Amino acid sequence: MLFFIFAAAPTSAASSFSDVSKSYWAYNEITELAGKGVIKGHTDGTYRPNDDVTRAQSAMMIVRALGISTANRPDPNFQDVTPKTSGYAEIAALVDLGVFSKDKKFNPTQPATRAQVAKILVEAFDLTGSGSGVRAFTDVSASQWYYSYVDTLVHNGITTGTTDTTFSPNQNVSRVQMAVFIYRNLHADGVPVGETAMMTEVLNLVNQERAKVGAPALKSHKGLQDAALLKSKDMADRNYFSHQSPTYGSPFDLLKLRGISYTAAGENIAAGQRSAESVMTSWMNSPGHKANILNKDYTHLGVGIYKGGSYGIYHTQLFIRQ
């Protein structure tokens, strides 16, 4: 089903980890991320939540969570990272995107510290803002390289201190803590967790089609993506298929609600297509949807794909010109 204009509950599964029971404090976070393939366990069926997360593992989790493509990334040129290194592709992608800094060594098997993870999360999830919370930490001074990252992370409610007055920047991050940090980022501002890999693929396919007609590539826009996800989830939860939402109103009302400015905007929606390729084929075979996708005036795109509802999966594209 398609509509154009000029996802039920998040995918999850009962925890399959023998060491993560339903009474475990982070059961919901671990279960949801495992169901989406963001986190993985060991061959013996355990997750080992209290083990330290390594720098390589943190890279793999971030890439899976955001659906970041690892294709055609340049070699990061670390002395201790080769194509045979576990997490090589993910490390290369995040170095290419500026999440990790270039250096002589990456230390992939070393535990990731709280200071390092603060930087990783802020850079990867494009977090912004600052507040007064960081000032309470006696072990985080403004002269330290990680100060601004900790400030932003605390401001966004992703983490707190290890005590009321300490952040413990050099303390190792555990596998469960990393999972919870990622979960909180994905659920920031009440935005649901979507099918991130498929969403990224749709954006790539849109830009491939635009390149064929000489249209400039559309830039990803986190705010638009969040709005598109909210729309797809709303259609799934409320069992409707329309540009007019009983919750958010028109697409233009939704953009206003989310504080997104624009000079032109459009929306494509679809339901039932199970892959990025199939939904793009449906849209490109429809003149109205195709016109939105190839519109040379648009500059940004947000894609929201959510599983659930009577059609099983819902797709929303929000286009704007800024």
C-alpha atoms as a PDB file:
ATOM      1  CA  MET A   1       0.000   0.000   0.000  1.00  0.00           C
ATOM      2  CA  LEU A   2       1.251   3.479  -0.894  1.00  0.00           C
ATOM      3  CA  PHE A   3       0.382   7.126  -0.295  1.00  0.00           C
ATOM      4  CA  PHE A   4       2.274  10.305  -1.055  1.00  0.00           C
ATOM      5  CA  ILE A   5       1.833  14.037  -0.345  1.00  0.00           C
ATOM      6  CA  PHE A   6       3.376  17.658  -2.121  1.00  0.00           C
ATOM      7  CA  ALA A   7       6.151   0.568  12.709  1.00  0.00           C
ATOM      8  CA  ALA A   8       2.993  -2.426  16.899  1.00  0.00           C
ATOM      9  CA  ALA A   9       5.675  -2.646  19.536  1.00  0.00           C
ATOM     10  CA  PRO A  10       9.383  -2.723  18.770  1.00  0.00           C
ATOM     11  CA  THR A  11      10.812  -5.965  17.499  1.00  0.00           C
ATOM     12  CA  SER A  12      11.874  -7.972  20.515  1.00  0.00           C
ATOM     13  CA  ALA A  13      12.229 -11.483  21.707  1.00  0.00           C
ATOM     14  CA  ALA A  14      12.511 -13.254  25.014  1.00  0.00           C
ATOM     15  CA  SER A  15      16.091 -13.068  26.148  1.00  0.00           C
ATOM     16  CA  SER A  16      17.982 -16.083  24.887  1.00  0.00           C
ATOM     17  CA  PHE A  17      20.895 -15.405  27.233  1.00  0.00           C
ATOM     18  CA  SER A  18      21.105 -17.878  30.085  1.00  0.00           C
ATOM     19  CA  ASP A  19      22.619 -15.260  32.402  1.00  0.00           C
ATOM     20  CA  VAL A  20      19.979 -12.556  31.778  1.00  0.00           C
ATOM     21  CA  SER A  21      16.751 -13.422  33.590  1.00  0.00           C
ATOM     22  CA  LYS A  22      13.470 -11.526  33.394  1.00  0.00           C
ATOM     23  CA  SER A  23      14.210 -10.071  36.817  1.00  0.00           C
ATOM     24  CA  TYR A  24      17.571  -8.660  35.706  1.00  0.00           C
ATOM     25  CA  TRP A  25      17.633  -4.861  35.962  1.00  0.00           C
ATOM     26  CA  ALA A  26      18.482  -4.344  32.273  1.00  0.00           C
ATOM     27  CA  TYR A  27      16.447  -7.254  30.878  1.00  0.00           C
ATOM     28  CA  ASN A  28      14.271  -5.067  28.640  1.00  0.00           C
ATOM     29  CA  GLU A  29      17.210  -3.167  27.181  1.00  0.00           C
ATOM     30  CA  ILE A  30      19.260  -6.289  26.502  1.00  0.00           C
ATOM     31  CA  THR A  31      16.285  -8.189  25.099  1.00  0.00           C
ATOM     32  CA  GLU A  32      15.287  -5.439  22.671  1.00  0.00           C
ATOM     33  CA  LEU A  33      18.817  -4.823  21.396  1.00  0.00           C
ATOM     34  CA  ALA A  34      19.493  -8.551  21.058  1.00  0.00           C
ATOM     35  CA  GLY A  35      16.257  -8.962  19.099  1.00  0.00           C
ATOM     36  CA  LYS A  36      17.437  -6.286  16.678  1.00  0.00           C
ATOM     37  CA  GLY A  37      20.919  -7.776  16.363  1.00  0.00           C
ATOM     38  CA  VAL A  38      22.623  -4.777  17.962  1.00  0.00           C
ATOM     39  CA  ILE A  39      24.227  -6.873  20.687  1.00  0.00           C
ATOM     40  CA  LYS A  40      25.342 -10.470  20.509  1.00  0.00           C
ATOM     41  CA  GLY A  41      26.176 -13.093  23.084  1.00  0.00           C
ATOM     42  CA  HIS A  42      28.815 -15.772  23.380  1.00  0.00           C
ATOM     43  CA  THR A  43      28.754 -19.251  21.877  1.00  0.00           C
ATOM     44  CA  ASP A  44      27.837 -20.748  25.252  1.00  0.00           C
ATOM     45  CA  GLY A  45      24.547 -18.836  25.273  1.00  0.00           C
ATOM     46  CA  THR A  46      25.593 -16.177  27.779  1.00  0.00           C
ATOM     47  CA  TYR A  47      25.778 -12.407  27.435  1.00  0.00           C
ATOM     48  CA  ARG A  48      28.192 -11.875  30.363  1.00  0.00           C
ATOM     49  CA  PRO A  49      26.760  -8.458  31.176  1.00  0.00           C
ATOM     50  CA  ASN A  50      29.361  -7.575  33.774  1.00  0.00           C
ATOM     51  CA  ASP A  51      32.362  -8.194  31.520  1.00  0.00           C
ATOM     52  CA  ASP A  52      34.163  -5.107  30.271  1.00  0.00           C
ATOM     53  CA  VAL A  53      33.158  -4.020  26.764  1.00  0.00           C
ATOM     54  CA  THR A  54      36.198  -3.721  24.519  1.00  0.00           C
ATOM     55  CA  ARG A  55      36.840  -0.828  22.173  1.00  0.00           C
ATOM     56  CA  ALA A  56      36.249  -3.108  19.183  1.00  0.00           C
ATOM     57  CA  GLN A  57      32.989  -4.415  20.653  1.00  0.00           C
ATOM     58  CA  SER A  58      31.788  -0.871  21.286  1.00  0.00           C
ATOM     59  CA  ALA A  59      32.418  -0.057  17.619  1.00  0.00           C
ATOM     60  CA  MET A  60      30.432  -3.092  16.478  1.00  0.00           C
ATOM     61  CA  MET A  61      27.495  -2.233  18.743  1.00  0.00           C
ATOM     62  CA  ILE A  62      27.354   1.371  17.531  1.00  0.00           C
ATOM     63  CA  VAL A  63      27.481   0.405  13.856  1.00  0.00           C
ATOM     64  CA  ARG A  64      24.711  -2.175  14.282  1.00  0.00           C
ATOM     65  CA  ALA A  65      22.561   0.218  16.312  1.00  0.00           C
ATOM     66  CA  LEU A  66      22.726   2.974  13.705  1.00  0.00           C
ATOM     67  CA  GLY A  67      22.735   0.769  10.626  1.00  0.00           C
ATOM     68  CA  ILE A  68      25.970   2.361   9.411  1.00  0.00           C
ATOM     69  CA  SER A  69      27.307   0.988   6.138  1.00  0.00           C
ATOM     70  CA  THR A  70      30.802  -0.504   6.358  1.00  0.00           C
ATOM     71  CA  ALA A  71      31.234  -0.796   2.593  1.00  0.00           C
ATOM     72  CA  ASN A  72      34.108   0.949   0.818  1.00  0.00           C
ATOM     73  CA  ARG A  73      35.618   2.449   3.960  1.00  0.00           C
ATOM     74  CA  PRO A  74      39.334   3.326   3.830  1.00  0.00           C
ATOM     75  CA  ASP A  75      41.791   1.393   5.953  1.00  0.00           C
ATOM     76  CA  PRO A  76      42.101   3.233   9.299  1.00  0.00           C
ATOM     77  CA  ASN A  77      45.855   2.500   9.299  1.00  0.00           C
ATOM     78  CA  PHE A  78      46.192   1.455  12.911  1.00  0.00           C
ATOM     79  CA  GLN A  79      49.275  -0.623  13.700  1.00  0.00           C
ATOM     80  CA  ASP A  80      47.190  -3.081  15.735  1.00  0.00           C
ATOM     81  CA  VAL A  81      44.121  -3.358  13.454  1.00  0.00           C
ATOM     82  CA  THR A  82      44.140  -5.472  10.285  1.00  0.00           C
ATOM     83  CA  PRO A  83      41.323  -6.814   8.091  1.00  0.00           C
ATOM     84  CA  LYS A  84      41.527  -9.984  10.199  1.00  0.00           C
ATOM     85  CA  THR A  85      40.835  -8.084  13.430  1.00  0.00           C
ATOM     86  CA  SER A  86      37.397  -8.690  14.922  1.00  0.00           C
ATOM     87  CA  GLY A  87      35.446  -5.491  14.318  1.00  0.00           C
ATOM     88  CA  TYR A  88      37.782  -4.208  11.590  1.00  0.00           C
ATOM     89  CA  ALA A  89      34.985  -3.118   9.247  1.00  0.00           C
ATOM     90  CA  GLU A  90      33.117  -1.315  12.011  1.00  0.00           C
ATOM     91  CA  ILE A  91      36.263   0.394  13.305  1.00  0.00           C
ATOM     92  CA  ALA A  92      37.117   1.552   9.776  1.00  0.00           C
ATOM     93  CA  ALA A  93      33.616   2.954   9.284  1.00  0.00           C
ATOM     94  CA  LEU A  94      33.637   4.909  12.539  1.00  0.00           C
ATOM     95  CA  VAL A  95      37.113   6.299  11.914  1.00  0.00           C
ATOM     96  CA  ASP A  96      35.958   7.376   8.464  1.00  0.00           C
ATOM     97  CA  LEU A  97      32.969   9.150  10.038  1.00  0.00           C
ATOM     98  CA  GLY A  98      35.090  10.834  12.711  1.00  0.00           C
ATOM     99  CA  VAL A  99      33.632   8.958  15.671  1.00  0.00           C
ATOM    100  CA  PHE A 100      37.063   7.508  16.468  1.00  0.00           C
ATOM    101  CA  SER A 101      40.207   9.594  16.056  1.00  0.00           C
ATOM    102  CA  LYS A 102      43.115   8.497  13.897  1.00  0.00           C
ATOM    103  CA  ASP A 103      46.212   7.440  15.820  1.00  0.00           C
ATOM    104  CA  LYS A 104      49.082   4.968  15.700  1.00  0.00           C
ATOM    105  CA  LYS A 105      47.158   2.315  17.641  1.00  0.00           C
ATOM    106  CA  PHE A 106      43.474   1.616  18.297  1.00  0.00           C
ATOM    107  CA  ASN A 107      43.865  -0.946  21.114  1.00  0.00           C
ATOM    108  CA  PRO A 108      40.833  -2.986  19.995  1.00  0.00           C
ATOM    109  CA  THR A 109      40.945  -5.513  22.842  1.00  0.00           C
ATOM    110  CA  GLN A 110      41.361  -2.964  25.608  1.00  0.00           C
ATOM    111  CA  PRO A 111      38.310  -2.110  27.725  1.00  0.00           C
ATOM    112  CA  ALA A 112      36.505   1.098  26.791  1.00  0.00           C
ATOM    113  CA  THR A 113      36.476   3.663  29.588  1.00  0.00           C
ATOM    114  CA  ARG A 114      33.587   5.897  30.579  1.00  0.00           C
ATOM    115  CA  ALA A 115      35.384   8.929  29.132  1.00  0.00           C
ATOM    116  CA  GLN A 116      35.991   7.153  25.821  1.00  0.00           C
ATOM    117  CA  VAL A 117      32.403   5.939  25.617  1.00  0.00           C
ATOM    118  CA  ALA A 118      31.141   9.463  26.313  1.00  0.00           C
ATOM    119  CA  LYS A 119      32.962  10.661  23.189  1.00  0.00           C
ATOM    120  CA  ILE A 120      31.819   7.670  21.117  1.00  0.00           C
ATOM    121  CA  LEU A 121      28.152   8.186  21.997  1.00  0.00           C
ATOM    122  CA  VAL A 122      28.154  11.953  21.492  1.00  0.00           C
ATOM    123  CA  GLU A 123      29.874  11.691  18.106  1.00  0.00           C
ATOM    124  CA  ALA A 124      27.923   8.669  16.845  1.00  0.00           C
ATOM    125  CA  PHE A 125      24.465   9.873  17.863  1.00  0.00           C
ATOM    126  CA  ASP A 126      25.126  13.560  17.067  1.00  0.00           C
ATOM    127  CA  LEU A 127      24.221  14.620  20.599  1.00  0.00           C
ATOM    128  CA  THR A 128      24.285  18.322  21.412  1.00  0.00           C
ATOM    129  CA  GLY A 129      23.659  20.603  24.364  1.00  0.00           C
ATOM    130  CA  SER A 130      25.234  21.311  27.718  1.00  0.00           C
ATOM    131  CA  GLY A 131      24.094  21.910  31.255  1.00  0.00           C
ATOM    132  CA  SER A 132      25.147  22.275  34.842  1.00  0.00           C
ATOM    133  CA  GLY A 133      25.105  18.598  35.792  1.00  0.00           C
ATOM    134  CA  VAL A 134      28.738  17.983  34.918  1.00  0.00           C
ATOM    135  CA  ARG A 135      29.861  20.632  37.405  1.00  0.00           C
ATOM    136  CA  ALA A 136      28.928  18.343  40.281  1.00  0.00           C
ATOM    137  CA  PHE A 137      31.668  15.899  39.303  1.00  0.00           C
ATOM    138  CA  THR A 138      34.905  16.610  41.127  1.00  0.00           C
ATOM    139  CA  ASP A 139      36.827  14.293  38.775  1.00  0.00           C
ATOM    140  CA  VAL A 140      35.801  16.049  35.535  1.00  0.00           C
ATOM    141  CA  SER A 141      37.409  19.459  35.050  1.00  0.00           C
ATOM    142  CA  ALA A 142      36.958  21.829  32.116  1.00  0.00           C
ATOM    143  CA  SER A 143      40.602  21.347  31.127  1.00  0.00           C
ATOM    144  CA  GLN A 144      40.184  17.631  30.379  1.00  0.00           C
ATOM    145  CA  TRP A 145      39.605  16.449  26.794  1.00  0.00           C
ATOM    146  CA  TYR A 146      36.417  14.584  27.674  1.00  0.00           C
ATOM    147  CA  TYR A 147      34.724  17.408  29.612  1.00  0.00           C
ATOM    148  CA  SER A 148      32.419  18.547  26.797  1.00  0.00           C
ATOM    149  CA  TYR A 149      31.451  14.954  25.941  1.00  0.00           C
ATOM    150  CA  VAL A 150      30.533  14.122  29.532  1.00  0.00           C
ATOM    151  CA  ASP A 151      28.668  17.431  29.765  1.00  0.00           C
ATOM    152  CA  THR A 152      26.586  16.639  26.674  1.00  0.00           C
ATOM    153  CA  LEU A 153      25.949  13.026  27.707  1.00  0.00           C
ATOM    154  CA  VAL A 154      24.701  14.043  31.152  1.00  0.00           C
ATOM    155  CA  HIS A 155      22.639  16.890  29.673  1.00  0.00           C
ATOM    156  CA  ASN A 156      20.846  14.415  27.394  1.00  0.00           C
ATOM    157  CA  GLY A 157      20.095  12.037  30.253  1.00  0.00           C
ATOM    158  CA  ILE A 158      22.109   9.165  28.781  1.00  0.00           C
ATOM    159  CA  THR A 159      24.188   8.692  31.915  1.00  0.00           C
ATOM    160  CA  THR A 160      24.709  10.002  35.407  1.00  0.00           C
ATOM    161  CA  GLY A 161      27.726   9.803  37.669  1.00  0.00           C
ATOM    162  CA  THR A 162      28.957   6.755  39.527  1.00  0.00           C
ATOM    163  CA  THR A 163      28.147   8.812  42.646  1.00  0.00           C
ATOM    164  CA  ASP A 164      26.595  12.233  43.150  1.00  0.00           C
ATOM    165  CA  THR A 165      30.034  13.852  42.922  1.00  0.00           C
ATOM    166  CA  THR A 166      32.060  11.524  40.661  1.00  0.00           C
ATOM    167  CA  PHE A 167      31.834  10.434  37.037  1.00  0.00           C
ATOM    168  CA  SER A 168      34.797   8.010  37.192  1.00  0.00           C
ATOM    169  CA  PRO A 169      36.057   8.775  33.655  1.00  0.00           C
ATOM    170  CA  ASN A 170      38.763   6.111  33.765  1.00  0.00           C
ATOM    171  CA  GLN A 171      36.451   3.328  34.949  1.00  0.00           C
ATOM    172  CA  ASN A 172      35.786   0.557  32.437  1.00  0.00           C
ATOM    173  CA  VAL A 173      32.320   0.270  30.884  1.00  0.00           C
ATOM    174  CA  SER A 174      30.604  -3.105  31.154  1.00  0.00           C
ATOM    175  CA  ARG A 175      28.700  -4.858  28.385  1.00  0.00           C
ATOM    176  CA  VAL A 176      25.384  -4.196  30.096  1.00  0.00           C
ATOM    177  CA  GLN A 177      26.200  -0.523  30.630  1.00  0.00           C
ATOM    178  CA  MET A 178      27.072  -0.128  26.942  1.00  0.00           C
ATOM    179  CA  ALA A 179      23.785  -1.768  25.982  1.00  0.00           C
ATOM    180  CA  VAL A 180      21.829   0.576  28.247  1.00  0.00           C
ATOM    181  CA  PHE A 181      23.654   3.657  26.921  1.00  0.00           C
ATOM    182  CA  ILE A 182      22.790   2.678  23.343  1.00  0.00           C
ATOM    183  CA  TYR A 183      19.188   1.869  24.263  1.00  0.00           C
ATOM    184  CA  ARG A 184      18.749   5.270  25.901  1.00  0.00           C
ATOM    185  CA  ASN A 185      20.144   7.015  22.828  1.00  0.00           C
ATOM    186  CA  LEU A 186      17.809   5.119  20.531  1.00  0.00           C
ATOM    187  CA  HIS A 187      14.858   6.017  22.744  1.00  0.00           C
ATOM    188  CA  ALA A 188      15.827   9.658  23.299  1.00  0.00           C
ATOM    189  CA  ASP A 189      12.868  12.082  23.289  1.00  0.00           C
ATOM    190  CA  GLY A 190      10.478   9.149  23.242  1.00  0.00           C
ATOM    191  CA  VAL A 191      11.477   8.255  19.700  1.00  0.00           C
ATOM    192  CA  PRO A 192      11.016   4.514  19.041  1.00  0.00           C
ATOM    193  CA  VAL A 193      13.692   2.160  17.806  1.00  0.00           C
ATOM    194  CA  GLY A 194      13.185   1.552  14.098  1.00  0.00           C
ATOM    195  CA  GLU A 195      14.668  -0.801  11.541  1.00  0.00           C
ATOM    196  CA  THR A 196      17.901   1.191  11.363  1.00  0.00           C
ATOM    197  CA  ALA A 197      19.783  -0.858   8.781  1.00  0.00           C
ATOM    198  CA  MET A 198      16.814  -0.812   6.390  1.00  0.00           C
ATOM    199  CA  MET A 199      16.329   2.908   6.957  1.00  0.00           C
ATOM    200  CA  THR A 200      19.943   3.607   6.034  1.00  0.00           C
ATOM    201  CA  GLU A 201      19.598   1.424   2.952  1.00  0.00           C
ATOM    202  CA  VAL A 202      16.510   3.336   1.796  1.00  0.00           C
ATOM    203  CA  LEU A 203      18.422   6.620   2.052  1.00  0.00           C
ATOM    204  CA  ASN A 204      21.252   5.134  -0.003  1.00  0.00           C
ATOM    205  CA  LEU A 205      18.823   3.838  -2.637  1.00  0.00           C
ATOM    206  CA  VAL A 206      17.097   7.223  -2.840  1.00  0.00           C
ATOM    207  CA  ASN A 207      20.412   8.922  -3.536  1.00  0.00           C
ATOM    208  CA  GLN A 208      21.270   6.314  -6.166  1.00  0.00           C
ATOM    209  CA  GLU A 209      18.036   7.139  -7.990  1.00  0.00           C
ATOM    210  CA  ARG A 210      18.660  10.875  -7.668  1.00  0.00           C
ATOM    211  CA  ALA A 211      22.169  10.508  -9.075  1.00  0.00           C
ATOM    212  CA  LYS A 212      20.702   8.938 -12.230  1.00  0.00           C
ATOM    213  CA  VAL A 213      18.814  12.162 -13.010  1.00  0.00           C
ATOM    214  CA  GLY A 214      21.458  14.591 -11.815  1.00  0.00           C
ATOM    215  CA  ALA A 215      19.676  15.537  -8.600  1.00  0.00           C
ATOM    216  CA  PRO A 216      21.893  16.357  -5.601  1.00  0.00           C
ATOM    217  CA  ALA A 217      22.160  13.747  -2.860  1.00  0.00           C
ATOM    218  CA  LEU A 218      19.836  14.202   0.093  1.00  0.00           C
ATOM    219  CA  LYS A 219      21.464  14.596   3.489  1.00  0.00           C
ATOM    220  CA  SER A 220      20.382  12.493   6.436  1.00  0.00           C
ATOM    221  CA  HIS A 221      18.546  14.536   9.075  1.00  0.00           C
ATOM    222  CA  LYS A 222      18.220  13.102  12.595  1.00  0.00           C
ATOM    223  CA  GLY A 223      15.197  15.244  13.442  1.00  0.00           C
ATOM    224  CA  LEU A 224      13.404  14.167  10.271  1.00  0.00           C
ATOM    225  CA  GLN A 225      14.272  10.536  10.946  1.00  0.00           C
ATOM    226  CA  ASP A 226      12.803  10.793  14.439  1.00  0.00           C
ATOM    227  CA  ALA A 227       9.638  12.397  13.059  1.00  0.00           C
ATOM    228  CA  ALA A 228       9.325   9.725  10.354  1.00  0.00           C
ATOM    229  CA  LEU A 229       9.724   6.997  12.970  1.00  0.00           C
ATOM    230  CA  LEU A 230       7.039   8.549  15.136  1.00  0.00           C
ATOM    231  CA  LYS A 231       4.676   8.602  12.142  1.00  0.00           C
ATOM    232  CA  SER A 232       5.378   4.974  11.182  1.00  0.00           C
ATOM    233  CA  LYS A 233       4.925   3.801  14.770  1.00  0.00           C
ATOM    234  CA  ASP A 234       1.713   5.799  15.082  1.00  0.00           C
ATOM    235  CA  MET A 235       0.277   4.108  11.982  1.00  0.00           C
ATOM    236  CA  ALA A 236       1.231   0.693  13.363  1.00  0.00           C
ATOM    237  CA  ASP A 237      -0.076   1.329  16.871  1.00  0.00           C
ATOM    238  CA  ARG A 238      -3.328   3.047  15.818  1.00  0.00           C
ATOM    239  CA  ASN A 239      -3.969   0.790  12.825  1.00  0.00           C
ATOM    240  CA  TYR A 240      -4.434   3.438  10.129  1.00  0.00           C
ATOM    241  CA  PHE A 241      -2.725   4.335   6.858  1.00  0.00           C
ATOM    242  CA  SER A 242      -2.969   8.001   5.989  1.00  0.00           C
ATOM    243  CA  HIS A 243      -0.990  11.208   5.741  1.00  0.00           C
ATOM    244  CA  GLN A 244      -3.334  12.626   8.373  1.00  0.00           C
ATOM    245  CA  SER A 245      -2.389  11.281  11.805  1.00  0.00           C
ATOM    246  CA  PRO A 246      -4.944  11.229  14.631  1.00  0.00           C
ATOM    247  CA  THR A 247      -2.008  11.923  16.953  1.00  0.00           C
ATOM    248  CA  TYR A 248       0.181  14.412  15.088  1.00  0.00           C
ATOM    249  CA  GLY A 249      -2.085  15.861  12.394  1.00  0.00           C
ATOM    250  CA  SER A 250      -0.654  16.473   8.924  1.00  0.00           C
ATOM    251  CA  PRO A 251       3.018  15.887   8.058  1.00  0.00           C
ATOM    252  CA  PHE A 252       3.476  19.655   8.284  1.00  0.00           C
ATOM    253  CA  ASP A 253       1.932  19.686  11.759  1.00  0.00           C
ATOM    254  CA  LEU A 254       4.371  16.940  12.780  1.00  0.00           C
ATOM    255  CA  LEU A 255       7.363  18.905  11.477  1.00  0.00           C
ATOM    256  CA  LYS A 256       6.208  21.963  13.403  1.00  0.00           C
ATOM    257  CA  LEU A 257       5.702  19.877  16.548  1.00  0.00           C
ATOM    258  CA  ARG A 258       9.273  18.556  16.269  1.00  0.00           C
ATOM    259  CA  GLY A 259      10.686  22.048  15.729  1.00  0.00           C
ATOM    260  CA  ILE A 260      11.913  21.395  12.177  1.00  0.00           C
ATOM    261  CA  SER A 261      12.077  24.441   9.906  1.00  0.00           C
ATOM    262  CA  TYR A 262      11.742  24.144   6.126  1.00  0.00           C
ATOM    263  CA  THR A 263      10.810  26.038   2.985  1.00  0.00           C
ATOM    264  CA  ALA A 264       9.327  23.005   1.211  1.00  0.00           C
ATOM    265  CA  ALA A 265       8.309  19.575   2.466  1.00  0.00           C
ATOM    266  CA  GLY A 266       6.782  16.307   1.309  1.00  0.00           C
ATOM    267  CA  GLU A 267       5.933  12.865   2.620  1.00  0.00           C
ATOM    268  CA  ASN A 268       5.839   9.346   1.178  1.00  0.00           C
ATOM    269  CA  ILE A 269       4.319   6.474   3.135  1.00  0.00           C
ATOM    270  CA  ALA A 270       4.022   2.766   2.417  1.00  0.00           C
ATOM    271  CA  ALA A 271       3.057  -0.398   4.267  1.00  0.00           C
ATOM    272  CA  GLY A 272       3.709  -4.101   3.929  1.00  0.00           C
ATOM    273  CA  GLN A 273       6.978  -4.085   1.971  1.00  0.00           C
ATOM    274  CA  ARG A 274       9.557  -6.220   3.770  1.00  0.00           C
ATOM    275  CA  SER A 275      12.801  -4.852   2.347  1.00  0.00           C
ATOM    276  CA  ALA A 276      14.376  -1.550   1.359  1.00  0.00           C
ATOM    277  CA  GLU A 277      14.474  -2.686  -2.264  1.00  0.00           C
ATOM    278  CA  SER A 278      10.793  -3.644  -2.375  1.00  0.00           C
ATOM    279  CA  VAL A 279       9.509  -0.413  -0.848  1.00  0.00           C
ATOM    280  CA  MET A 280      11.744   1.647  -3.139  1.00  0.00           C
ATOM    281  CA  THR A 281      10.468  -0.295  -6.158  1.00  0.00           C
ATOM    282  CA  SER A 282       6.890   0.433  -5.093  1.00  0.00           C
ATOM    283  CA  TRP A 283       7.593   4.129  -4.655  1.00  0.00           C
ATOM    284  CA  MET A 284       9.533   4.454  -7.922  1.00  0.00           C
ATOM    285  CA  ASN A 285       6.668   2.774  -9.825  1.00  0.00           C
ATOM    286  CA  SER A 286       4.250   5.425  -8.534  1.00  0.00           C
ATOM    287  CA  PRO A 287       4.514   8.822 -10.290  1.00  0.00           C
ATOM    288  CA  GLY A 288       3.696  10.866  -7.186  1.00  0.00           C
ATOM    289  CA  HIS A 289       6.134   9.059  -4.914  1.00  0.00           C
ATOM    290  CA  LYS A 290       8.809   9.094  -7.599  1.00  0.00           C
ATOM    291  CA  ALA A 291       8.384  12.850  -7.979  1.00  0.00           C
ATOM    292  CA  ASN A 292       9.087  13.367  -4.280  1.00  0.00           C
ATOM    293  CA  ILE A 293      12.145  11.106  -4.377  1.00  0.00           C
ATOM    294  CA  LEU A 294      13.632  12.865  -7.418  1.00  0.00           C
ATOM    295  CA  ASN A 295      12.605  16.428  -6.507  1.00  0.00           C
ATOM    296  CA  LYS A 296      15.760  18.505  -7.020  1.00  0.00           C
ATOM    297  CA  ASP A 297      14.558  21.157  -4.582  1.00  0.00           C
ATOM    298  CA  TYR A 298      14.735  18.895  -1.530  1.00  0.00           C
ATOM    299  CA  THR A 299      17.923  18.891   0.546  1.00  0.00           C
ATOM    300  CA  HIS A 300      17.265  16.506   3.455  1.00  0.00           C
ATOM    301  CA  LEU A 301      15.505  13.195   4.070  1.00  0.00           C
ATOM    302  CA  GLY A 302      14.367  11.329   7.145  1.00  0.00           C
ATOM    303  CA  VAL A 303      13.362   7.667   6.831  1.00  0.00           C
ATOM    304  CA  GLY A 304      11.320   5.890   9.498  1.00  0.00           C
ATOM    305  CA  ILE A 305      10.564   2.156   9.257  1.00  0.00           C
ATOM    306  CA  TYR A 306       8.676   0.416  12.045  1.00  0.00           C
ATOM    307  CA  LYS A 307       7.452  -3.160  12.413  1.00  0.00           C
ATOM    308  CA  GLY A 308       3.973  -3.887  13.727  1.00  0.00           C
ATOM    309  CA  GLY A 309       0.298  -3.284  13.006  1.00  0.00           C
ATOM    310  CA  SER A 310      -1.997  -4.988  10.524  1.00  0.00           C
ATOM    311  CA  TYR A 311       0.413  -4.586   7.576  1.00  0.00           C
ATOM    312  CA  GLY A 312       3.382  -5.857   9.571  1.00  0.00           C
ATOM    313  CA  ILE A 313       5.688  -2.975   8.653  1.00  0.00           C
ATOM    314  CA  TYR A 314       5.225   0.741   7.944  1.00  0.00           C
ATOM    315  CA  HIS A 315       7.490   3.112   6.008  1.00  0.00           C
ATOM    316  CA  THR A 316       7.638   6.914   6.104  1.00  0.00           C
ATOM    317  CA  GLN A 317       9.853   9.289   4.131  1.00  0.00           C
ATOM    318  CA  LEU A 318       9.905  12.965   5.120  1.00  0.00           C
ATOM    319  CA  PHE A 319      11.563  15.354   2.660  1.00  0.00           C
ATOM    320  CA  ILE A 320      12.419  19.000   3.291  1.00  0.00           C
ATOM    321  CA  ARG A 321      14.279  21.878   1.732  1.00  0.00           C
ATOM    322  CA  GLN A 322      16.332  23.978   4.146  1.00  0.00           C
END
